[in-house]
Amino acid sequence: MKVTSAEIVISAVRPEQYPEGDLPEFALAGRSNVGKSSFINKMLNRKSLARTSSKPGKTQTLNFFIINEMMHFVDVPGYGYAKVSKSERAAWGKMIETYLTTREQLRAALLIVDLRHPPTKDDVMMYDFFKHYEIPCIVIATKADKIPKGKWQKHLKVTKETLQLEKGDEIILFSSETGLGKEEAWKSLQARM
C-alpha cells in the first residue's frame, strides 16, 4: 500500500476520546521496547511519527494514527516494564483491556515480538487474551535483520511453539531496518479491511 498521508489523531485514555466514525483499526501490542514505534514508522515511511525511545514505557496512552484517511493504527502501551508503579500498570491494563474488548472498529491485533528471543510470558498472555476475546491476531516477528537468514526458520518455529500459534493466525518476519515483511504486512491488513 502506498502511504500518502499519516498523522497522529489523538492520544486517548478513555472511550469517549476515541476517534468517531467507523474506519477499520489495527491495535499494535508488544512488550516495552520491542520496536512497535519503529514498526509504525517503517510501515508509514516516516522517520519519527511514532516516537521511539531507548527508555521503555514511553507510550502511556492509546495513540491513534490515521493513515490515508482510511484506517487507524492504534499504538497501545508496552507491557512487561517493571519501572512503573503497580497502580499505574493496573490503570494501563484496564485502559488497554477496555479498548480491545469494546471497540467495534478493531479488525485485528498485531502482536509484535522479538524474533531473536522466545516470546516472553507476557507475550503468551497477550496472545491468549486475543484468542479468548476472539480478536484476530497477526504476529509480527521483528528484528529479523539481527539474525542470520539461515536461522530464521528455527527462530520462527520457537516463536510459533511458545505462543502455541493457532492455525490461521499469521506470523510475518519483519525488519524495520531493511523493510523485510512490509509488503506482506500491508497485504495482511488490507485483507482485513
N, C-alpha and C. Protein backbone atom coordinates (compact mmCIF):
# COMPACT_ATOMS: atom_id res chain seq x y z
N MET A 1 0.85 -1.19 0.00
CA MET A 1 0.00 0.00 0.00
C MET A 1 0.89 1.25 0.00
N LYS A 2 0.51 2.20 -0.79
CA LYS A 2 1.26 3.46 -0.83
C LYS A 2 0.68 4.41 0.21
N VAL A 3 1.49 4.79 1.18
CA VAL A 3 1.02 5.69 2.23
C VAL A 3 1.25 7.13 1.76
N THR A 4 0.14 7.85 1.57
CA THR A 4 0.26 9.24 1.11
C THR A 4 0.06 10.22 2.26
N SER A 5 -0.65 9.78 3.31
CA SER A 5 -0.80 10.65 4.48
C SER A 5 -0.89 9.81 5.74
N ALA A 6 -0.26 10.29 6.78
CA ALA A 6 -0.28 9.61 8.08
C ALA A 6 -0.01 10.63 9.16
N GLU A 7 -0.88 10.65 10.16
CA GLU A 7 -0.64 11.57 11.28
C GLU A 7 -1.30 11.03 12.54
N ILE A 8 -0.80 11.51 13.67
CA ILE A 8 -1.41 11.10 14.94
C ILE A 8 -2.66 11.95 15.12
N VAL A 9 -3.77 11.29 15.47
CA VAL A 9 -5.05 11.98 15.62
C VAL A 9 -5.26 12.38 17.07
N ILE A 10 -5.06 11.40 17.95
CA ILE A 10 -5.30 11.67 19.38
C ILE A 10 -4.58 10.64 20.23
N SER A 11 -4.19 11.04 21.41
CA SER A 11 -3.70 10.12 22.43
C SER A 11 -4.84 10.03 23.44
N ALA A 12 -5.45 8.85 23.50
CA ALA A 12 -6.66 8.68 24.31
C ALA A 12 -6.40 7.80 25.52
N VAL A 13 -7.17 8.06 26.58
CA VAL A 13 -7.13 7.16 27.74
C VAL A 13 -8.53 6.62 28.05
N ARG A 14 -9.57 7.26 27.50
CA ARG A 14 -10.96 6.84 27.77
C ARG A 14 -11.73 6.68 26.46
N PRO A 15 -12.73 5.78 26.44
CA PRO A 15 -13.51 5.53 25.22
C PRO A 15 -14.10 6.79 24.58
N GLU A 16 -14.51 7.76 25.41
CA GLU A 16 -15.12 8.96 24.83
C GLU A 16 -14.11 9.80 24.05
N GLN A 17 -12.82 9.49 24.21
CA GLN A 17 -11.79 10.22 23.47
C GLN A 17 -11.42 9.54 22.14
N TYR A 18 -11.87 8.29 21.96
CA TYR A 18 -11.53 7.58 20.73
C TYR A 18 -12.09 8.34 19.52
N PRO A 19 -11.43 8.26 18.37
CA PRO A 19 -11.95 8.93 17.17
C PRO A 19 -13.33 8.40 16.80
N GLU A 20 -14.17 9.30 16.31
CA GLU A 20 -15.51 8.87 15.87
C GLU A 20 -15.41 8.32 14.46
N GLY A 21 -16.50 7.68 14.03
CA GLY A 21 -16.51 7.12 12.69
C GLY A 21 -16.26 5.63 12.72
N ASP A 22 -16.26 5.01 11.54
CA ASP A 22 -16.14 3.55 11.52
C ASP A 22 -14.96 3.06 10.69
N LEU A 23 -13.87 3.86 10.67
CA LEU A 23 -12.67 3.41 9.96
C LEU A 23 -12.11 2.16 10.65
N PRO A 24 -11.62 1.19 9.88
CA PRO A 24 -11.03 0.00 10.49
C PRO A 24 -9.80 0.37 11.32
N GLU A 25 -9.62 -0.35 12.43
CA GLU A 25 -8.48 -0.09 13.32
C GLU A 25 -7.68 -1.36 13.54
N PHE A 26 -6.38 -1.16 13.70
CA PHE A 26 -5.45 -2.25 13.98
C PHE A 26 -4.63 -1.87 15.20
N ALA A 27 -4.75 -2.67 16.27
CA ALA A 27 -4.02 -2.39 17.51
C ALA A 27 -2.64 -3.03 17.46
N LEU A 28 -1.64 -2.30 17.93
CA LEU A 28 -0.27 -2.82 17.98
C LEU A 28 0.11 -3.05 19.42
N ALA A 29 0.34 -4.31 19.75
CA ALA A 29 0.68 -4.67 21.12
C ALA A 29 2.04 -5.34 21.15
N GLY A 30 2.75 -5.17 22.25
CA GLY A 30 4.05 -5.80 22.39
C GLY A 30 4.69 -5.31 23.67
N ARG A 31 5.72 -6.04 24.10
CA ARG A 31 6.35 -5.61 25.35
C ARG A 31 7.12 -4.31 25.13
N SER A 32 7.41 -3.64 26.21
CA SER A 32 8.14 -2.38 26.14
C SER A 32 9.45 -2.57 25.38
N ASN A 33 9.75 -1.63 24.50
CA ASN A 33 11.00 -1.61 23.74
C ASN A 33 11.16 -2.73 22.71
N VAL A 34 10.05 -3.35 22.28
CA VAL A 34 10.17 -4.43 21.30
C VAL A 34 10.28 -3.88 19.87
N GLY A 35 9.91 -2.59 19.71
CA GLY A 35 10.02 -1.99 18.38
C GLY A 35 8.69 -1.64 17.74
N LYS A 36 7.67 -1.38 18.55
CA LYS A 36 6.35 -1.01 17.99
C LYS A 36 6.44 0.31 17.21
N SER A 37 7.09 1.30 17.81
CA SER A 37 7.19 2.61 17.15
C SER A 37 8.01 2.50 15.86
N SER A 38 9.07 1.72 15.88
CA SER A 38 9.88 1.52 14.67
C SER A 38 9.06 0.82 13.59
N PHE A 39 8.23 -0.13 14.00
CA PHE A 39 7.35 -0.82 13.06
C PHE A 39 6.38 0.18 12.40
N ILE A 40 5.76 1.02 13.23
CA ILE A 40 4.82 2.03 12.72
C ILE A 40 5.54 2.95 11.74
N ASN A 41 6.68 3.48 12.15
CA ASN A 41 7.43 4.41 11.29
C ASN A 41 7.81 3.77 9.96
N LYS A 42 8.24 2.50 9.99
CA LYS A 42 8.64 1.81 8.76
C LYS A 42 7.41 1.59 7.86
N MET A 43 6.32 1.16 8.45
CA MET A 43 5.10 0.89 7.68
C MET A 43 4.57 2.17 7.02
N LEU A 44 4.75 3.30 7.70
CA LEU A 44 4.20 4.56 7.21
C LEU A 44 5.23 5.43 6.47
N ASN A 45 6.43 4.89 6.26
CA ASN A 45 7.51 5.64 5.58
C ASN A 45 7.81 6.96 6.28
N ARG A 46 7.79 6.95 7.60
CA ARG A 46 8.09 8.16 8.36
C ARG A 46 9.29 7.88 9.25
N LYS A 47 10.06 8.93 9.51
CA LYS A 47 11.22 8.74 10.39
C LYS A 47 10.82 8.72 11.86
N SER A 48 9.92 9.64 12.23
CA SER A 48 9.64 9.74 13.66
C SER A 48 8.21 10.16 13.96
N LEU A 49 7.25 9.62 13.21
CA LEU A 49 5.85 9.91 13.50
C LEU A 49 5.51 9.30 14.87
N ALA A 50 5.86 8.04 15.03
CA ALA A 50 5.73 7.40 16.35
C ALA A 50 7.08 7.60 17.03
N ARG A 51 7.06 8.18 18.22
CA ARG A 51 8.32 8.47 18.90
C ARG A 51 8.98 7.19 19.42
N THR A 52 10.21 6.99 19.00
CA THR A 52 10.96 5.84 19.50
C THR A 52 11.81 6.32 20.68
N SER A 53 12.09 5.40 21.56
CA SER A 53 12.89 5.76 22.73
C SER A 53 13.68 4.55 23.18
N SER A 54 14.86 4.78 23.69
CA SER A 54 15.63 3.66 24.25
C SER A 54 15.11 3.37 25.67
N LYS A 55 14.29 4.29 26.17
CA LYS A 55 13.74 4.13 27.51
C LYS A 55 12.38 3.44 27.42
N PRO A 56 12.24 2.21 27.97
CA PRO A 56 10.97 1.51 27.90
C PRO A 56 9.86 2.29 28.61
N GLY A 57 8.63 2.02 28.23
CA GLY A 57 7.49 2.62 28.90
C GLY A 57 7.16 4.02 28.40
N LYS A 58 7.62 4.37 27.21
CA LYS A 58 7.40 5.71 26.65
C LYS A 58 5.92 5.95 26.33
N THR A 59 5.29 4.96 25.69
CA THR A 59 3.87 5.10 25.32
C THR A 59 3.01 4.81 26.55
N GLN A 60 2.21 5.81 26.95
CA GLN A 60 1.38 5.61 28.15
C GLN A 60 -0.10 5.84 27.85
N THR A 61 -0.40 6.05 26.57
CA THR A 61 -1.79 6.29 26.15
C THR A 61 -2.06 5.44 24.92
N LEU A 62 -3.31 5.41 24.48
CA LEU A 62 -3.65 4.76 23.21
C LEU A 62 -3.45 5.82 22.13
N ASN A 63 -2.45 5.63 21.29
CA ASN A 63 -2.15 6.62 20.26
C ASN A 63 -2.76 6.20 18.93
N PHE A 64 -3.72 7.00 18.45
CA PHE A 64 -4.41 6.71 17.20
C PHE A 64 -3.74 7.45 16.05
N PHE A 65 -3.29 6.69 15.04
CA PHE A 65 -2.70 7.27 13.84
C PHE A 65 -3.66 7.04 12.68
N ILE A 66 -3.98 8.09 11.92
CA ILE A 66 -4.84 7.91 10.75
C ILE A 66 -3.94 7.79 9.51
N ILE A 67 -4.26 6.81 8.68
CA ILE A 67 -3.45 6.51 7.50
C ILE A 67 -4.30 6.62 6.25
N ASN A 68 -3.88 7.50 5.33
CA ASN A 68 -4.59 7.69 4.04
C ASN A 68 -6.08 7.97 4.24
N GLU A 69 -6.44 8.51 5.39
CA GLU A 69 -7.85 8.81 5.70
C GLU A 69 -8.75 7.57 5.61
N MET A 70 -8.14 6.36 5.70
CA MET A 70 -8.95 5.16 5.52
C MET A 70 -8.81 4.10 6.61
N MET A 71 -7.87 4.29 7.53
CA MET A 71 -7.70 3.32 8.62
C MET A 71 -6.89 3.95 9.75
N HIS A 72 -6.95 3.28 10.92
CA HIS A 72 -6.16 3.73 12.08
C HIS A 72 -5.22 2.62 12.53
N PHE A 73 -3.99 3.01 12.91
CA PHE A 73 -3.12 2.17 13.73
C PHE A 73 -3.35 2.69 15.15
N VAL A 74 -3.45 1.77 16.10
CA VAL A 74 -3.58 2.18 17.50
C VAL A 74 -2.42 1.57 18.28
N ASP A 75 -1.51 2.44 18.69
CA ASP A 75 -0.33 2.01 19.44
C ASP A 75 -0.73 1.96 20.92
N VAL A 76 -0.66 0.77 21.51
CA VAL A 76 -1.04 0.65 22.93
C VAL A 76 0.24 0.59 23.78
N PRO A 77 0.16 1.00 25.05
CA PRO A 77 1.37 0.97 25.89
C PRO A 77 2.00 -0.42 25.93
N GLY A 78 3.33 -0.44 25.94
CA GLY A 78 4.04 -1.71 26.04
C GLY A 78 3.81 -2.35 27.40
N TYR A 79 3.88 -3.67 27.42
CA TYR A 79 3.70 -4.36 28.70
C TYR A 79 5.03 -4.96 29.16
N GLY A 80 5.03 -5.42 30.41
CA GLY A 80 6.20 -6.11 30.94
C GLY A 80 7.31 -5.18 31.39
N TYR A 81 6.99 -3.91 31.59
CA TYR A 81 8.03 -2.98 32.03
C TYR A 81 7.92 -2.76 33.52
N ALA A 82 9.00 -3.02 34.24
CA ALA A 82 8.95 -3.05 35.70
C ALA A 82 8.97 -1.68 36.38
N LYS A 83 9.57 -0.67 35.75
CA LYS A 83 9.79 0.59 36.46
C LYS A 83 8.56 1.50 36.49
N VAL A 84 7.40 0.88 36.60
CA VAL A 84 6.15 1.63 36.67
C VAL A 84 5.42 1.11 37.90
N SER A 85 4.77 2.00 38.64
CA SER A 85 4.10 1.55 39.85
C SER A 85 2.98 0.56 39.51
N LYS A 86 2.67 -0.29 40.50
CA LYS A 86 1.61 -1.29 40.30
C LYS A 86 0.30 -0.64 39.92
N SER A 87 -0.03 0.47 40.57
CA SER A 87 -1.32 1.12 40.30
C SER A 87 -1.34 1.69 38.88
N GLU A 88 -0.20 2.21 38.43
CA GLU A 88 -0.11 2.74 37.07
C GLU A 88 -0.25 1.61 36.05
N ARG A 89 0.42 0.48 36.34
CA ARG A 89 0.31 -0.69 35.45
C ARG A 89 -1.12 -1.17 35.38
N ALA A 90 -1.79 -1.19 36.53
CA ALA A 90 -3.19 -1.65 36.57
C ALA A 90 -4.07 -0.71 35.75
N ALA A 91 -3.81 0.58 35.84
CA ALA A 91 -4.60 1.57 35.08
C ALA A 91 -4.38 1.38 33.58
N TRP A 92 -3.11 1.17 33.17
CA TRP A 92 -2.82 0.90 31.76
C TRP A 92 -3.55 -0.35 31.30
N GLY A 93 -3.46 -1.40 32.15
CA GLY A 93 -4.11 -2.69 31.82
C GLY A 93 -5.59 -2.51 31.57
N LYS A 94 -6.24 -1.76 32.45
CA LYS A 94 -7.68 -1.53 32.32
C LYS A 94 -7.98 -0.73 31.04
N MET A 95 -7.17 0.29 30.77
CA MET A 95 -7.36 1.13 29.58
C MET A 95 -7.22 0.28 28.31
N ILE A 96 -6.19 -0.57 28.27
CA ILE A 96 -5.94 -1.40 27.10
C ILE A 96 -7.06 -2.44 26.94
N GLU A 97 -7.43 -3.07 28.05
CA GLU A 97 -8.48 -4.10 28.00
C GLU A 97 -9.81 -3.50 27.54
N THR A 98 -10.15 -2.32 28.05
CA THR A 98 -11.39 -1.65 27.64
C THR A 98 -11.39 -1.43 26.14
N TYR A 99 -10.27 -0.90 25.62
CA TYR A 99 -10.20 -0.65 24.18
C TYR A 99 -10.35 -1.96 23.39
N LEU A 100 -9.53 -2.96 23.73
CA LEU A 100 -9.50 -4.20 22.95
C LEU A 100 -10.81 -4.97 22.99
N THR A 101 -11.53 -4.89 24.10
CA THR A 101 -12.74 -5.72 24.23
C THR A 101 -14.02 -5.00 23.84
N THR A 102 -13.97 -3.68 23.64
CA THR A 102 -15.22 -2.97 23.35
C THR A 102 -15.23 -2.25 22.01
N ARG A 103 -14.10 -2.14 21.36
CA ARG A 103 -14.01 -1.31 20.15
C ARG A 103 -14.46 -2.09 18.90
N GLU A 104 -15.61 -1.71 18.36
CA GLU A 104 -16.16 -2.43 17.20
C GLU A 104 -15.32 -2.24 15.94
N GLN A 105 -14.59 -1.14 15.84
CA GLN A 105 -13.79 -0.85 14.64
C GLN A 105 -12.51 -1.70 14.57
N LEU A 106 -12.17 -2.37 15.68
CA LEU A 106 -10.94 -3.16 15.73
C LEU A 106 -11.05 -4.37 14.81
N ARG A 107 -10.16 -4.43 13.81
CA ARG A 107 -10.19 -5.54 12.84
C ARG A 107 -9.22 -6.66 13.21
N ALA A 108 -8.09 -6.28 13.82
CA ALA A 108 -7.09 -7.27 14.22
C ALA A 108 -6.09 -6.62 15.16
N ALA A 109 -5.42 -7.47 15.92
CA ALA A 109 -4.33 -7.01 16.77
C ALA A 109 -3.03 -7.52 16.16
N LEU A 110 -2.03 -6.66 16.16
CA LEU A 110 -0.69 -7.06 15.72
C LEU A 110 0.15 -7.24 16.97
N LEU A 111 0.56 -8.48 17.20
CA LEU A 111 1.41 -8.78 18.35
C LEU A 111 2.86 -8.73 17.88
N ILE A 112 3.58 -7.72 18.36
CA ILE A 112 4.97 -7.52 17.94
C ILE A 112 5.88 -8.27 18.91
N VAL A 113 6.65 -9.22 18.39
CA VAL A 113 7.59 -9.98 19.23
C VAL A 113 8.99 -9.86 18.62
N ASP A 114 9.98 -10.07 19.44
CA ASP A 114 11.38 -10.00 19.02
C ASP A 114 11.81 -11.40 18.57
N LEU A 115 12.08 -11.55 17.27
CA LEU A 115 12.44 -12.85 16.70
C LEU A 115 13.68 -13.45 17.36
N ARG A 116 14.56 -12.61 17.90
CA ARG A 116 15.82 -13.11 18.47
C ARG A 116 15.63 -13.94 19.73
N HIS A 117 14.49 -13.73 20.41
CA HIS A 117 14.26 -14.40 21.71
C HIS A 117 12.91 -15.11 21.70
N PRO A 118 12.78 -16.19 22.46
CA PRO A 118 11.46 -16.81 22.58
C PRO A 118 10.48 -15.79 23.16
N PRO A 119 9.20 -15.83 22.76
CA PRO A 119 8.22 -14.91 23.35
C PRO A 119 8.22 -15.02 24.87
N THR A 120 8.02 -13.88 25.53
CA THR A 120 8.00 -13.84 27.00
C THR A 120 6.66 -14.36 27.52
N LYS A 121 6.60 -14.55 28.85
CA LYS A 121 5.32 -14.95 29.48
C LYS A 121 4.24 -13.91 29.16
N ASP A 122 4.65 -12.62 29.15
CA ASP A 122 3.69 -11.56 28.84
C ASP A 122 3.19 -11.64 27.40
N ASP A 123 4.09 -12.00 26.46
CA ASP A 123 3.68 -12.17 25.06
C ASP A 123 2.64 -13.29 24.96
N VAL A 124 2.91 -14.39 25.65
CA VAL A 124 1.99 -15.54 25.62
C VAL A 124 0.64 -15.13 26.22
N MET A 125 0.68 -14.39 27.33
CA MET A 125 -0.56 -13.93 27.97
C MET A 125 -1.36 -13.04 27.02
N MET A 126 -0.65 -12.15 26.31
CA MET A 126 -1.32 -11.23 25.38
C MET A 126 -1.96 -12.03 24.24
N TYR A 127 -1.23 -12.98 23.69
CA TYR A 127 -1.77 -13.81 22.61
C TYR A 127 -3.01 -14.57 23.10
N ASP A 128 -2.91 -15.15 24.31
CA ASP A 128 -4.05 -15.87 24.89
C ASP A 128 -5.25 -14.94 25.09
N PHE A 129 -4.97 -13.70 25.48
CA PHE A 129 -6.03 -12.69 25.66
C PHE A 129 -6.75 -12.47 24.33
N PHE A 130 -5.99 -12.29 23.24
CA PHE A 130 -6.61 -12.09 21.92
C PHE A 130 -7.47 -13.30 21.54
N LYS A 131 -6.96 -14.49 21.81
CA LYS A 131 -7.69 -15.72 21.47
C LYS A 131 -8.97 -15.79 22.30
N HIS A 132 -8.86 -15.48 23.60
CA HIS A 132 -10.02 -15.55 24.50
C HIS A 132 -11.14 -14.64 24.02
N TYR A 133 -10.78 -13.43 23.59
CA TYR A 133 -11.79 -12.47 23.14
C TYR A 133 -12.05 -12.53 21.63
N GLU A 134 -11.50 -13.58 21.00
CA GLU A 134 -11.71 -13.80 19.55
C GLU A 134 -11.32 -12.59 18.72
N ILE A 135 -10.19 -11.98 19.08
CA ILE A 135 -9.64 -10.86 18.32
C ILE A 135 -8.63 -11.45 17.33
N PRO A 136 -8.86 -11.28 16.03
CA PRO A 136 -7.90 -11.80 15.06
C PRO A 136 -6.51 -11.26 15.36
N CYS A 137 -5.50 -12.11 15.19
CA CYS A 137 -4.14 -11.72 15.58
C CYS A 137 -3.14 -12.00 14.46
N ILE A 138 -2.30 -11.04 14.21
CA ILE A 138 -1.18 -11.20 13.28
C ILE A 138 0.09 -11.02 14.11
N VAL A 139 0.96 -12.02 14.11
CA VAL A 139 2.20 -11.91 14.87
C VAL A 139 3.28 -11.33 13.95
N ILE A 140 3.90 -10.25 14.40
CA ILE A 140 4.99 -9.62 13.66
C ILE A 140 6.28 -9.95 14.40
N ALA A 141 7.11 -10.81 13.78
CA ALA A 141 8.38 -11.21 14.39
C ALA A 141 9.45 -10.25 13.88
N THR A 142 9.75 -9.25 14.69
CA THR A 142 10.61 -8.15 14.25
C THR A 142 12.09 -8.41 14.58
N LYS A 143 12.92 -7.51 14.08
CA LYS A 143 14.37 -7.57 14.28
C LYS A 143 15.00 -8.76 13.56
N ALA A 144 14.37 -9.19 12.45
CA ALA A 144 14.88 -10.32 11.66
C ALA A 144 16.27 -10.03 11.10
N ASP A 145 16.57 -8.74 10.87
CA ASP A 145 17.88 -8.37 10.33
C ASP A 145 19.02 -8.66 11.31
N LYS A 146 18.68 -8.89 12.58
CA LYS A 146 19.70 -9.13 13.60
C LYS A 146 20.08 -10.63 13.69
N ILE A 147 19.42 -11.45 12.87
CA ILE A 147 19.66 -12.90 12.90
C ILE A 147 20.08 -13.33 11.49
N PRO A 148 21.07 -14.24 11.37
CA PRO A 148 21.42 -14.73 10.04
C PRO A 148 20.21 -15.40 9.37
N LYS A 149 20.05 -15.14 8.09
CA LYS A 149 18.90 -15.64 7.32
C LYS A 149 18.69 -17.15 7.50
N GLY A 150 19.80 -17.90 7.58
CA GLY A 150 19.73 -19.35 7.72
C GLY A 150 19.08 -19.80 9.03
N LYS A 151 18.96 -18.90 10.00
CA LYS A 151 18.38 -19.28 11.30
C LYS A 151 16.95 -18.79 11.48
N TRP A 152 16.41 -18.08 10.48
CA TRP A 152 15.06 -17.53 10.61
C TRP A 152 14.01 -18.60 10.92
N GLN A 153 14.05 -19.70 10.17
CA GLN A 153 13.02 -20.74 10.33
C GLN A 153 13.06 -21.35 11.74
N LYS A 154 14.27 -21.54 12.25
CA LYS A 154 14.43 -22.09 13.60
C LYS A 154 13.79 -21.14 14.63
N HIS A 155 14.08 -19.85 14.49
CA HIS A 155 13.53 -18.86 15.42
C HIS A 155 12.00 -18.74 15.27
N LEU A 156 11.52 -18.81 14.02
CA LEU A 156 10.07 -18.76 13.80
C LEU A 156 9.38 -19.94 14.47
N LYS A 157 10.00 -21.11 14.37
CA LYS A 157 9.43 -22.32 14.97
C LYS A 157 9.31 -22.15 16.49
N VAL A 158 10.36 -21.61 17.12
CA VAL A 158 10.34 -21.37 18.57
C VAL A 158 9.21 -20.40 18.92
N THR A 159 9.06 -19.33 18.12
CA THR A 159 8.01 -18.34 18.36
C THR A 159 6.63 -18.99 18.26
N LYS A 160 6.41 -19.75 17.19
CA LYS A 160 5.10 -20.41 16.99
C LYS A 160 4.79 -21.37 18.13
N GLU A 161 5.79 -22.17 18.51
CA GLU A 161 5.58 -23.17 19.57
C GLU A 161 5.35 -22.51 20.93
N THR A 162 6.12 -21.47 21.24
CA THR A 162 5.97 -20.80 22.54
C THR A 162 4.59 -20.15 22.66
N LEU A 163 4.14 -19.50 21.58
CA LEU A 163 2.82 -18.85 21.61
C LEU A 163 1.69 -19.87 21.44
N GLN A 164 2.04 -21.08 21.00
CA GLN A 164 1.04 -22.08 20.59
C GLN A 164 0.12 -21.45 19.55
N LEU A 165 0.76 -20.93 18.51
CA LEU A 165 0.07 -20.22 17.43
C LEU A 165 -0.99 -21.10 16.81
N GLU A 166 -2.21 -20.58 16.75
CA GLU A 166 -3.32 -21.35 16.19
C GLU A 166 -3.30 -21.32 14.68
N LYS A 167 -3.84 -22.36 14.10
CA LYS A 167 -3.97 -22.45 12.65
C LYS A 167 -4.73 -21.22 12.15
N GLY A 168 -4.26 -20.65 11.07
CA GLY A 168 -4.95 -19.48 10.52
C GLY A 168 -4.38 -18.16 11.01
N ASP A 169 -3.64 -18.18 12.13
CA ASP A 169 -3.00 -16.95 12.60
C ASP A 169 -1.68 -16.79 11.87
N GLU A 170 -1.49 -15.60 11.31
CA GLU A 170 -0.30 -15.34 10.51
C GLU A 170 0.87 -14.95 11.39
N ILE A 171 2.06 -15.29 10.90
CA ILE A 171 3.28 -14.77 11.52
C ILE A 171 4.13 -14.21 10.38
N ILE A 172 4.56 -12.96 10.53
CA ILE A 172 5.29 -12.27 9.48
C ILE A 172 6.68 -11.87 9.97
N LEU A 173 7.70 -12.30 9.24
CA LEU A 173 9.07 -11.88 9.53
C LEU A 173 9.19 -10.41 9.17
N PHE A 174 9.78 -9.61 10.05
CA PHE A 174 9.83 -8.17 9.80
C PHE A 174 11.16 -7.58 10.23
N SER A 175 11.58 -6.54 9.51
CA SER A 175 12.73 -5.76 9.93
C SER A 175 12.45 -4.29 9.63
N SER A 176 12.49 -3.47 10.66
CA SER A 176 12.27 -2.03 10.43
C SER A 176 13.54 -1.39 9.86
N GLU A 177 14.65 -2.13 9.87
CA GLU A 177 15.89 -1.65 9.26
C GLU A 177 15.84 -1.82 7.74
N THR A 178 15.50 -3.04 7.29
CA THR A 178 15.58 -3.37 5.86
C THR A 178 14.24 -3.27 5.14
N GLY A 179 13.13 -3.25 5.90
CA GLY A 179 11.81 -3.23 5.26
C GLY A 179 11.29 -4.62 4.95
N LEU A 180 12.03 -5.66 5.33
CA LEU A 180 11.57 -7.03 5.15
C LEU A 180 10.20 -7.21 5.80
N GLY A 181 9.25 -7.78 5.08
CA GLY A 181 7.93 -8.08 5.63
C GLY A 181 6.93 -6.94 5.51
N LYS A 182 7.37 -5.78 5.07
CA LYS A 182 6.48 -4.62 5.00
C LYS A 182 5.31 -4.86 4.03
N GLU A 183 5.64 -5.33 2.83
CA GLU A 183 4.58 -5.58 1.83
C GLU A 183 3.61 -6.65 2.32
N GLU A 184 4.18 -7.70 2.90
CA GLU A 184 3.37 -8.80 3.41
C GLU A 184 2.42 -8.31 4.52
N ALA A 185 2.95 -7.45 5.40
CA ALA A 185 2.13 -6.90 6.49
C ALA A 185 0.98 -6.06 5.92
N TRP A 186 1.28 -5.21 4.93
CA TRP A 186 0.21 -4.40 4.33
C TRP A 186 -0.86 -5.28 3.67
N LYS A 187 -0.42 -6.33 2.99
CA LYS A 187 -1.38 -7.24 2.34
C LYS A 187 -2.32 -7.85 3.38
N SER A 188 -1.73 -8.27 4.48
CA SER A 188 -2.50 -8.90 5.55
C SER A 188 -3.51 -7.92 6.15
N LEU A 189 -3.09 -6.67 6.35
CA LEU A 189 -4.00 -5.65 6.91
C LEU A 189 -5.11 -5.32 5.92
N GLN A 190 -4.75 -5.12 4.66
CA GLN A 190 -5.75 -4.76 3.66
C GLN A 190 -6.80 -5.85 3.48
N ALA A 191 -6.37 -7.10 3.64
CA ALA A 191 -7.32 -8.22 3.52
C ALA A 191 -8.38 -8.19 4.64
N ARG A 192 -8.06 -7.49 5.72
CA ARG A 192 -8.98 -7.44 6.88
C ARG A 192 -9.81 -6.16 6.94
N MET A 193 -9.63 -5.29 5.96
CA MET A 193 -10.38 -4.02 5.98
C MET A 193 -11.75 -4.22 5.36
